[in-house]
């Protein structure tokens, strides 16, 4: 069995840019459009991180990694009900803006951890094929659902410092940074080193979850 790699805990903006933008997309004050932007940045994340390592994910690996949680057939059958509830919640959150800010803060923290773990998966060789990537995605979800993140304070700081987010994200989608993104990048860079111990712990927890998933007989990925 190969040794676990050393995680990259330092701040690297290209690794965490799409994670940040996915979380900030929730602040777009237009239901549906916020979801479209969040999904775009979320799905782009893994490919960008792979290119930072001089890699390109195969279509099978990308599909396994970005596969939505839940059963496809069940999702289709319940879509009219869940879609209506989702839209009501989205509209209400645009009216009650503080709920939207809370959701964006939580999602930014979540996506930062997701980006870190995708980077770690690449180093560990867990994204070399679709089967391993499917197991890695499940292990990542196990860890993120069970771990309390200390990143929320920084995420809250990033969220509170945004304005005109719609224009900011439109530019970012085309690869352009405005003053808001530059400020966000600076804030993250200044605070990131304080989370070194947490990211190392997160990598250890992921390794344990991955091994546990790997050892399950006939695992469905």
Protein backbone atom coordinates (compact mmCIF):
# COMPACT_ATOMS: atom_id res chain seq x y z
CA UNK A 1 0.00 0.00 0.00
CA UNK A 2 1.42 3.40 -0.99
CA UNK A 3 2.04 6.06 1.59
CA UNK A 4 -0.37 8.97 1.87
CA UNK A 5 0.98 12.07 0.12
CA UNK A 6 1.76 15.31 1.88
CA UNK A 7 -1.28 17.60 1.43
CA UNK A 8 -0.81 21.03 -0.12
CA UNK A 9 -2.13 23.26 2.66
CA UNK A 10 -0.71 26.55 1.39
CA UNK A 11 -2.87 29.17 -0.27
CA UNK A 12 -3.12 28.88 -4.05
CA UNK A 13 -5.79 31.12 -5.56
CA UNK A 14 -6.38 29.13 -8.79
CA UNK A 15 -7.11 26.06 -6.65
CA UNK A 16 -9.71 27.87 -4.56
CA UNK A 17 -11.04 30.45 -7.03
CA UNK A 18 -13.94 28.42 -8.43
CA UNK A 19 -14.78 27.17 -4.93
CA UNK A 20 -15.09 30.76 -3.75
CA UNK A 21 -17.10 31.81 -6.79
CA UNK A 22 -19.48 28.86 -6.44
CA UNK A 23 -20.30 29.92 -2.89
CA UNK A 24 -20.64 33.59 -3.79
CA UNK A 25 -23.07 32.68 -6.58
CA UNK A 26 -25.74 32.12 -3.94
CA UNK A 27 -25.75 35.90 -3.37
CA UNK A 28 -27.07 36.55 -6.90
CA UNK A 29 -30.53 38.04 -6.20
CA UNK A 30 -32.23 36.13 -9.03
CA UNK A 31 -33.60 32.64 -8.34
CA UNK A 32 -32.45 29.96 -10.80
CA UNK A 33 -29.62 32.17 -12.06
CA UNK A 34 -27.81 31.78 -8.73
CA UNK A 35 -28.09 28.00 -9.10
CA UNK A 36 -26.81 28.10 -12.71
CA UNK A 37 -23.71 30.05 -11.71
CA UNK A 38 -23.07 27.93 -8.64
CA UNK A 39 -23.27 24.75 -10.70
CA UNK A 40 -20.98 26.18 -13.40
CA UNK A 41 -18.17 27.05 -11.00
CA UNK A 42 -18.66 23.84 -8.98
CA UNK A 43 -18.29 21.64 -12.05
CA UNK A 44 -15.34 23.62 -13.43
CA UNK A 45 -13.43 23.28 -10.17
CA UNK A 46 -11.94 19.82 -10.62
CA UNK A 47 -10.63 20.42 -14.13
CA UNK A 48 -8.91 23.64 -13.11
CA UNK A 49 -7.27 21.99 -10.10
CA UNK A 50 -6.09 19.10 -12.29
CA UNK A 51 -4.47 21.51 -14.72
CA UNK A 52 -2.57 23.07 -11.79
CA UNK A 53 -0.86 19.68 -11.55
CA UNK A 54 -0.32 19.39 -15.27
CA UNK A 55 -3.09 16.83 -15.50
CA UNK A 56 -6.30 16.45 -17.46
CA UNK A 57 -9.18 14.48 -16.02
CA UNK A 58 -10.70 11.84 -18.24
CA UNK A 59 -14.42 12.26 -19.03
CA UNK A 60 -15.20 9.24 -16.87
CA UNK A 61 -13.33 10.62 -13.88
CA UNK A 62 -14.90 14.08 -14.27
CA UNK A 63 -18.38 12.52 -14.47
CA UNK A 64 -17.78 10.33 -11.41
CA UNK A 65 -16.44 13.25 -9.41
CA UNK A 66 -19.22 15.67 -10.35
CA UNK A 67 -22.05 13.16 -10.09
CA UNK A 68 -24.91 14.59 -8.05
CA UNK A 69 -25.82 12.80 -4.87
CA UNK A 70 -29.01 10.76 -4.78
CA UNK A 71 -30.80 8.32 -7.05
CA UNK A 72 -31.52 9.66 -10.56
CA UNK A 73 -34.92 7.96 -10.93
CA UNK A 74 -36.10 9.10 -7.50
CA UNK A 75 -34.97 12.63 -8.28
CA UNK A 76 -36.97 12.67 -11.52
CA UNK A 77 -40.12 11.33 -9.89
CA UNK A 78 -40.01 13.85 -7.06
CA UNK A 79 -38.85 16.80 -9.18
CA UNK A 80 -42.24 18.62 -9.36
CA UNK A 81 -42.53 18.67 -5.56
CA UNK A 82 -38.89 19.28 -4.69
CA UNK A 83 -38.59 21.87 -7.46
CA UNK A 84 -41.52 23.88 -6.11
CA UNK A 85 -40.18 23.75 -2.55
CA UNK A 86 -36.70 24.70 -3.77
CA UNK A 87 -38.03 27.71 -5.69
CA UNK A 88 -40.07 28.92 -2.70
CA UNK A 89 -36.99 28.66 -0.49
CA UNK A 90 -34.87 30.47 -3.05
CA UNK A 91 -37.36 33.32 -3.43
CA UNK A 92 -37.79 33.64 0.34
CA UNK A 93 -34.04 33.82 0.78
CA UNK A 94 -33.83 36.67 -1.70
CA UNK A 95 -36.43 38.49 0.39
CA UNK A 96 -34.75 37.60 3.71
CA UNK A 97 -31.23 38.44 2.64
CA UNK A 98 -29.57 37.42 5.88
CA UNK A 99 -30.58 33.80 5.19
CA UNK A 100 -28.89 34.03 1.81
CA UNK A 101 -25.70 35.37 3.39
CA UNK A 102 -25.71 32.50 5.90
CA UNK A 103 -26.15 29.96 3.11
CA UNK A 104 -23.39 31.55 1.02
CA UNK A 105 -21.04 31.51 4.02
CA UNK A 106 -21.68 27.82 4.64
CA UNK A 107 -21.26 26.95 0.97
CA UNK A 108 -18.01 28.87 0.57
CA UNK A 109 -16.57 26.97 3.54
CA UNK A 110 -17.86 23.69 2.05
CA UNK A 111 -16.44 24.38 -1.40
CA UNK A 112 -13.03 25.40 -0.01
CA UNK A 113 -12.81 22.03 1.70
CA UNK A 114 -14.01 20.28 -1.45
CA UNK A 115 -11.32 22.02 -3.52
CA UNK A 116 -8.64 21.06 -0.99
CA UNK A 117 -9.73 17.42 -1.05
CA UNK A 118 -9.88 17.28 -4.85
CA UNK A 119 -6.31 18.58 -4.89
CA UNK A 120 -5.36 15.89 -2.38
CA UNK A 121 -7.14 13.17 -4.38
CA UNK A 122 -5.00 14.03 -7.39
CA UNK A 123 -1.83 13.73 -5.32
CA UNK A 124 -3.02 10.41 -3.90
CA UNK A 125 -3.80 8.96 -7.34
CA UNK A 126 -7.49 8.61 -6.53
CA UNK A 127 -8.56 10.38 -9.71
CA UNK A 128 -6.62 8.16 -12.09
CA UNK A 129 -9.68 6.18 -13.14
CA UNK A 130 -13.46 6.45 -12.86
CA UNK A 131 -13.86 3.65 -10.30
CA UNK A 132 -11.38 5.19 -7.87
CA UNK A 133 -12.87 8.64 -8.49
CA UNK A 134 -16.34 7.41 -7.59
CA UNK A 135 -15.06 5.97 -4.33
CA UNK A 136 -13.09 9.17 -3.67
CA UNK A 137 -16.20 11.30 -4.18
CA UNK A 138 -18.16 9.22 -1.70
CA UNK A 139 -15.32 9.35 0.83
CA UNK A 140 -15.13 13.11 0.41
CA UNK A 141 -18.86 13.42 1.07
CA UNK A 142 -18.54 11.23 4.16
CA UNK A 143 -15.90 13.57 5.57
CA UNK A 144 -17.56 16.86 4.65
CA UNK A 145 -20.90 15.83 6.09
CA UNK A 146 -19.35 14.79 9.40
CA UNK A 147 -16.76 17.55 9.93
CA UNK A 148 -17.32 20.94 11.54
CA UNK A 149 -15.36 23.55 9.61
CA UNK A 150 -13.35 26.39 11.20
CA UNK A 151 -13.35 28.14 7.82
CA UNK A 152 -16.76 29.74 8.30
CA UNK A 153 -15.37 32.86 9.99
CA UNK A 154 -13.17 33.64 7.00
CA UNK A 155 -16.03 32.72 4.66
CA UNK A 156 -18.27 35.17 6.52
CA UNK A 157 -15.65 37.88 6.11
CA UNK A 158 -15.44 37.18 2.37
CA UNK A 159 -19.22 37.19 2.00
CA UNK A 160 -19.71 40.45 3.88
CA UNK A 161 -17.14 42.21 1.70
CA UNK A 162 -18.92 41.61 -1.59
CA UNK A 163 -21.00 44.04 -3.60
CA UNK A 164 -22.46 44.01 -7.13
CA UNK A 165 -21.91 40.25 -7.07
CA UNK A 166 -23.75 39.67 -10.34
CA UNK A 167 -21.28 41.78 -12.32
CA UNK A 168 -18.35 40.28 -10.40
CA UNK A 169 -19.35 36.72 -11.24
CA UNK A 170 -20.08 37.50 -14.88
CA UNK A 171 -16.53 38.81 -15.24
CA UNK A 172 -15.08 35.89 -13.27
CA UNK A 173 -16.84 33.39 -15.51
CA UNK A 174 -14.91 34.91 -18.43
CA UNK A 175 -11.66 34.77 -16.48
CA UNK A 176 -11.53 38.44 -15.43
CA UNK A 177 -11.04 39.73 -11.88
CA UNK A 178 -12.50 42.94 -10.51
CA UNK A 179 -11.74 44.77 -7.25
CA UNK A 180 -14.11 42.52 -5.28
CA UNK A 181 -12.29 39.36 -6.31
CA UNK A 182 -8.89 40.94 -5.73
CA UNK A 183 -9.97 41.91 -2.20
CA UNK A 184 -11.31 38.42 -1.56
CA UNK A 185 -8.07 36.90 -2.77
CA UNK A 186 -6.06 39.17 -0.45
CA UNK A 187 -8.21 38.32 2.59
CA UNK A 188 -7.87 34.61 1.97
CA UNK A 189 -4.12 34.84 1.46
CA UNK A 190 -3.65 36.67 4.76
CA UNK A 191 -5.60 34.10 6.82
CA UNK A 192 -4.96 30.79 5.06
CA UNK A 193 -1.86 29.72 7.00
CA UNK A 194 -3.87 29.61 10.23
CA UNK A 195 -5.82 26.61 8.86
CA UNK A 196 -2.78 24.42 8.14
CA UNK A 197 -3.46 22.01 11.01
CA UNK A 198 -7.11 21.70 10.07
CA UNK A 199 -6.37 20.87 6.44
CA UNK A 200 -3.89 18.21 7.50
CA UNK A 201 -6.55 16.69 9.75
CA UNK A 202 -9.05 16.83 6.89
CA UNK A 203 -6.63 14.90 4.66
CA UNK A 204 -6.20 12.24 7.36
CA UNK A 205 -9.96 11.90 7.78
CA UNK A 206 -10.38 11.58 4.03
CA UNK A 207 -7.71 8.85 3.85
CA UNK A 208 -9.54 6.88 6.52
CA UNK A 209 -12.87 7.32 4.76
CA UNK A 210 -11.37 6.34 1.40
CA UNK A 211 -9.85 3.15 2.80
CA UNK A 212 -13.15 2.28 4.49
CA UNK A 213 -15.05 2.83 1.24
CA UNK A 214 -12.45 0.88 -0.73
CA UNK A 215 -12.76 -2.13 1.54
CA UNK A 216 -16.54 -2.34 1.28
CA UNK A 217 -17.61 -5.31 -0.87
CA UNK A 218 -19.36 -4.48 -4.15
CA UNK A 219 -19.29 -0.75 -3.47
CA UNK A 220 -21.68 1.23 -5.65
CA UNK A 221 -19.89 4.28 -7.05
